[in-house]
Amino acid sequence: MASFYGEAFRGRPTASGEAFDPDELTAAHRTLPFGTCLRVENLGNGRSVRVRVTDRGPYAKGRLIDVSEAAARALDLVRQGVARVRVFSC
């Protein structure tokens, strides 16, 4: 499962030290190295997007990845807030 985070976190430092920008294609993952490129596919609609890991999380049970708002728009998961996804390395 994937979820997203957005405008409320704009400008806050991520775990990698970068300022969070919800308009960039980034993601949070618990263990992958910062800078890792991932392709995230929404299993409900087949849409996919490439993101770069810049933060840690998600911490909600059952969630694999948090994506930025821009990535969530590309995946068409903003309305529902969460989606079943598959994650691939780039």
N, C-alpha and C. Protein backbone atom coordinates (compact mmCIF):
# COMPACT_ATOMS: atom_id res chain seq x y z
N MET A 1 0.84 -1.18 0.00
CA MET A 1 0.00 0.00 0.00
C MET A 1 0.89 1.25 0.00
N ALA A 2 0.43 2.24 -0.70
CA ALA A 2 1.11 3.53 -0.75
C ALA A 2 0.16 4.62 -0.30
N SER A 3 0.72 5.65 0.28
CA SER A 3 -0.02 6.85 0.63
C SER A 3 0.83 8.03 0.19
N PHE A 4 0.36 9.24 0.46
CA PHE A 4 1.14 10.40 0.03
C PHE A 4 1.14 11.49 1.09
N TYR A 5 2.12 12.38 0.97
CA TYR A 5 2.17 13.56 1.82
C TYR A 5 2.47 14.76 0.96
N GLY A 6 1.98 15.92 1.38
CA GLY A 6 2.04 17.05 0.48
C GLY A 6 2.31 18.39 1.11
N GLU A 7 1.47 19.35 0.79
CA GLU A 7 1.67 20.77 1.07
C GLU A 7 2.00 21.07 2.53
N ALA A 8 1.41 20.36 3.45
CA ALA A 8 1.65 20.63 4.87
C ALA A 8 3.12 20.45 5.26
N PHE A 9 3.86 19.68 4.46
CA PHE A 9 5.27 19.41 4.77
C PHE A 9 6.23 20.21 3.91
N ARG A 10 5.73 21.08 3.04
CA ARG A 10 6.57 21.88 2.14
C ARG A 10 7.66 22.61 2.93
N GLY A 11 8.90 22.46 2.46
CA GLY A 11 10.02 23.16 3.07
C GLY A 11 10.62 22.49 4.29
N ARG A 12 9.93 21.53 4.86
CA ARG A 12 10.48 20.84 6.04
C ARG A 12 11.62 19.94 5.60
N PRO A 13 12.62 19.77 6.44
CA PRO A 13 13.72 18.89 6.06
C PRO A 13 13.28 17.42 6.06
N THR A 14 13.72 16.71 5.06
CA THR A 14 13.49 15.26 5.00
C THR A 14 14.64 14.58 5.74
N ALA A 15 14.54 13.29 5.89
CA ALA A 15 15.60 12.54 6.58
C ALA A 15 16.93 12.62 5.84
N SER A 16 16.89 12.88 4.54
CA SER A 16 18.13 13.00 3.76
C SER A 16 18.74 14.40 3.89
N GLY A 17 18.00 15.32 4.50
CA GLY A 17 18.48 16.69 4.66
C GLY A 17 17.93 17.65 3.63
N GLU A 18 17.30 17.13 2.57
CA GLU A 18 16.70 17.99 1.56
C GLU A 18 15.41 18.59 2.09
N ALA A 19 15.08 19.78 1.61
CA ALA A 19 13.77 20.37 1.93
C ALA A 19 12.71 19.63 1.11
N PHE A 20 11.60 19.29 1.73
CA PHE A 20 10.54 18.59 1.03
C PHE A 20 9.81 19.54 0.09
N ASP A 21 9.60 19.09 -1.13
CA ASP A 21 8.83 19.84 -2.13
C ASP A 21 7.77 18.89 -2.68
N PRO A 22 6.49 19.14 -2.38
CA PRO A 22 5.44 18.23 -2.84
C PRO A 22 5.27 18.22 -4.35
N ASP A 23 5.90 19.16 -5.05
CA ASP A 23 5.81 19.22 -6.51
C ASP A 23 6.89 18.40 -7.21
N GLU A 24 7.81 17.82 -6.44
CA GLU A 24 8.85 16.96 -7.02
C GLU A 24 8.44 15.50 -6.87
N LEU A 25 9.02 14.65 -7.70
CA LEU A 25 8.69 13.22 -7.69
C LEU A 25 9.62 12.49 -6.73
N THR A 26 9.24 12.50 -5.46
CA THR A 26 10.05 11.91 -4.40
C THR A 26 9.20 10.95 -3.57
N ALA A 27 9.88 10.21 -2.69
CA ALA A 27 9.19 9.23 -1.86
C ALA A 27 9.92 9.00 -0.55
N ALA A 28 9.19 8.43 0.38
CA ALA A 28 9.76 7.99 1.66
C ALA A 28 9.68 6.48 1.71
N HIS A 29 10.79 5.85 2.09
CA HIS A 29 10.86 4.40 2.26
C HIS A 29 11.64 4.13 3.54
N ARG A 30 11.29 3.08 4.25
CA ARG A 30 11.92 2.82 5.55
C ARG A 30 13.41 2.46 5.46
N THR A 31 13.82 1.73 4.42
CA THR A 31 15.18 1.18 4.44
C THR A 31 16.04 1.45 3.21
N LEU A 32 15.46 1.74 2.08
CA LEU A 32 16.26 1.93 0.86
C LEU A 32 17.14 3.17 0.98
N PRO A 33 18.33 3.13 0.37
CA PRO A 33 19.24 4.28 0.47
C PRO A 33 18.64 5.53 -0.17
N PHE A 34 18.98 6.68 0.39
CA PHE A 34 18.56 7.94 -0.20
C PHE A 34 19.11 8.03 -1.61
N GLY A 35 18.32 8.56 -2.51
CA GLY A 35 18.71 8.69 -3.90
C GLY A 35 18.30 7.51 -4.77
N THR A 36 17.81 6.43 -4.16
CA THR A 36 17.37 5.28 -4.93
C THR A 36 16.21 5.67 -5.83
N CYS A 37 16.29 5.26 -7.09
CA CYS A 37 15.21 5.50 -8.06
C CYS A 37 14.27 4.31 -8.02
N LEU A 38 12.98 4.59 -7.89
CA LEU A 38 11.96 3.54 -7.87
C LEU A 38 10.87 3.86 -8.88
N ARG A 39 10.32 2.83 -9.47
CA ARG A 39 9.11 2.99 -10.28
C ARG A 39 7.97 2.41 -9.46
N VAL A 40 6.97 3.23 -9.22
CA VAL A 40 5.81 2.84 -8.42
C VAL A 40 4.62 2.71 -9.37
N GLU A 41 3.97 1.54 -9.34
CA GLU A 41 2.83 1.28 -10.20
C GLU A 41 1.57 1.12 -9.36
N ASN A 42 0.54 1.88 -9.69
CA ASN A 42 -0.76 1.76 -9.04
C ASN A 42 -1.45 0.54 -9.64
N LEU A 43 -1.67 -0.49 -8.83
CA LEU A 43 -2.27 -1.74 -9.32
C LEU A 43 -3.73 -1.58 -9.69
N GLY A 44 -4.37 -0.53 -9.22
CA GLY A 44 -5.78 -0.31 -9.53
C GLY A 44 -6.03 0.28 -10.90
N ASN A 45 -5.03 0.99 -11.44
CA ASN A 45 -5.26 1.63 -12.73
C ASN A 45 -4.09 1.50 -13.71
N GLY A 46 -3.00 0.87 -13.29
CA GLY A 46 -1.86 0.65 -14.17
C GLY A 46 -0.95 1.84 -14.38
N ARG A 47 -1.27 2.99 -13.76
CA ARG A 47 -0.42 4.17 -13.91
C ARG A 47 0.85 4.00 -13.09
N SER A 48 1.96 4.54 -13.60
CA SER A 48 3.21 4.43 -12.86
C SER A 48 3.99 5.74 -12.94
N VAL A 49 4.93 5.88 -12.02
CA VAL A 49 5.76 7.08 -11.94
C VAL A 49 7.11 6.69 -11.34
N ARG A 50 8.14 7.41 -11.76
CA ARG A 50 9.47 7.22 -11.16
C ARG A 50 9.66 8.25 -10.07
N VAL A 51 10.16 7.79 -8.93
CA VAL A 51 10.41 8.66 -7.78
C VAL A 51 11.81 8.41 -7.25
N ARG A 52 12.30 9.35 -6.47
CA ARG A 52 13.61 9.24 -5.82
C ARG A 52 13.39 9.24 -4.32
N VAL A 53 14.01 8.29 -3.61
CA VAL A 53 13.87 8.20 -2.16
C VAL A 53 14.65 9.33 -1.50
N THR A 54 13.95 10.17 -0.73
CA THR A 54 14.57 11.29 -0.03
C THR A 54 14.23 11.32 1.45
N ASP A 55 13.36 10.40 1.90
CA ASP A 55 12.86 10.48 3.27
C ASP A 55 12.63 9.08 3.82
N ARG A 56 12.39 9.00 5.12
CA ARG A 56 12.08 7.75 5.80
C ARG A 56 10.58 7.69 6.10
N GLY A 57 10.07 6.50 6.15
CA GLY A 57 8.65 6.28 6.38
C GLY A 57 8.16 5.33 5.30
N PRO A 58 6.93 5.04 5.22
CA PRO A 58 5.85 5.47 6.11
C PRO A 58 5.87 4.65 7.40
N TYR A 59 5.21 5.15 8.38
CA TYR A 59 5.17 4.47 9.67
C TYR A 59 3.79 3.89 9.98
N ALA A 60 2.83 4.09 9.09
CA ALA A 60 1.50 3.50 9.27
C ALA A 60 1.58 2.01 8.92
N LYS A 61 0.94 1.18 9.70
CA LYS A 61 0.97 -0.26 9.51
C LYS A 61 0.43 -0.61 8.11
N GLY A 62 1.14 -1.50 7.44
CA GLY A 62 0.69 -1.98 6.15
C GLY A 62 1.10 -1.12 4.97
N ARG A 63 1.76 0.00 5.21
CA ARG A 63 2.18 0.88 4.12
C ARG A 63 3.62 0.60 3.75
N LEU A 64 3.91 0.54 2.46
CA LEU A 64 5.24 0.27 1.95
C LEU A 64 5.99 1.55 1.61
N ILE A 65 5.26 2.55 1.09
CA ILE A 65 5.91 3.75 0.58
C ILE A 65 4.96 4.94 0.70
N ASP A 66 5.52 6.10 0.97
CA ASP A 66 4.80 7.37 0.91
C ASP A 66 5.39 8.12 -0.28
N VAL A 67 4.54 8.64 -1.14
CA VAL A 67 5.02 9.40 -2.29
C VAL A 67 4.62 10.86 -2.12
N SER A 68 5.32 11.73 -2.84
CA SER A 68 4.99 13.14 -2.82
C SER A 68 3.63 13.36 -3.49
N GLU A 69 3.07 14.55 -3.29
CA GLU A 69 1.78 14.85 -3.90
C GLU A 69 1.85 14.81 -5.42
N ALA A 70 2.95 15.27 -6.01
CA ALA A 70 3.10 15.21 -7.46
C ALA A 70 3.07 13.77 -7.96
N ALA A 71 3.76 12.89 -7.25
CA ALA A 71 3.75 11.47 -7.62
C ALA A 71 2.36 10.87 -7.42
N ALA A 72 1.68 11.27 -6.36
CA ALA A 72 0.32 10.78 -6.11
C ALA A 72 -0.62 11.22 -7.24
N ARG A 73 -0.46 12.44 -7.73
CA ARG A 73 -1.28 12.90 -8.86
C ARG A 73 -0.99 12.04 -10.10
N ALA A 74 0.29 11.76 -10.35
CA ALA A 74 0.66 10.94 -11.50
C ALA A 74 0.08 9.53 -11.39
N LEU A 75 -0.03 9.02 -10.18
CA LEU A 75 -0.58 7.69 -9.94
C LEU A 75 -2.10 7.69 -9.83
N ASP A 76 -2.69 8.88 -9.77
CA ASP A 76 -4.13 9.06 -9.58
C ASP A 76 -4.60 8.41 -8.28
N LEU A 77 -3.88 8.74 -7.18
CA LEU A 77 -4.29 8.20 -5.88
C LEU A 77 -4.63 9.30 -4.87
N VAL A 78 -4.66 10.55 -5.32
CA VAL A 78 -4.94 11.65 -4.39
C VAL A 78 -6.33 11.53 -3.80
N ARG A 79 -7.32 11.26 -4.62
CA ARG A 79 -8.71 11.23 -4.14
C ARG A 79 -8.91 10.16 -3.07
N GLN A 80 -8.41 8.95 -3.30
CA GLN A 80 -8.61 7.88 -2.32
C GLN A 80 -7.59 7.91 -1.19
N GLY A 81 -6.43 8.53 -1.42
CA GLY A 81 -5.44 8.69 -0.36
C GLY A 81 -4.47 7.54 -0.21
N VAL A 82 -4.89 6.33 -0.53
CA VAL A 82 -4.02 5.16 -0.48
C VAL A 82 -4.34 4.29 -1.69
N ALA A 83 -3.37 3.46 -2.09
CA ALA A 83 -3.60 2.55 -3.20
C ALA A 83 -2.67 1.36 -3.06
N ARG A 84 -3.10 0.24 -3.63
CA ARG A 84 -2.22 -0.94 -3.73
C ARG A 84 -1.23 -0.65 -4.84
N VAL A 85 0.05 -0.85 -4.56
CA VAL A 85 1.09 -0.56 -5.53
C VAL A 85 2.09 -1.70 -5.63
N ARG A 86 2.83 -1.67 -6.71
CA ARG A 86 4.00 -2.52 -6.87
C ARG A 86 5.16 -1.57 -7.06
N VAL A 87 6.31 -1.89 -6.45
CA VAL A 87 7.47 -1.03 -6.50
C VAL A 87 8.63 -1.78 -7.14
N PHE A 88 9.26 -1.13 -8.13
CA PHE A 88 10.39 -1.69 -8.86
C PHE A 88 11.57 -0.74 -8.75
N SER A 89 12.78 -1.27 -8.82
CA SER A 89 13.94 -0.37 -8.92
C SER A 89 14.03 0.09 -10.37
N CYS A 90 14.58 1.29 -10.57
CA CYS A 90 14.72 1.85 -11.93
C CYS A 90 15.90 1.25 -12.63
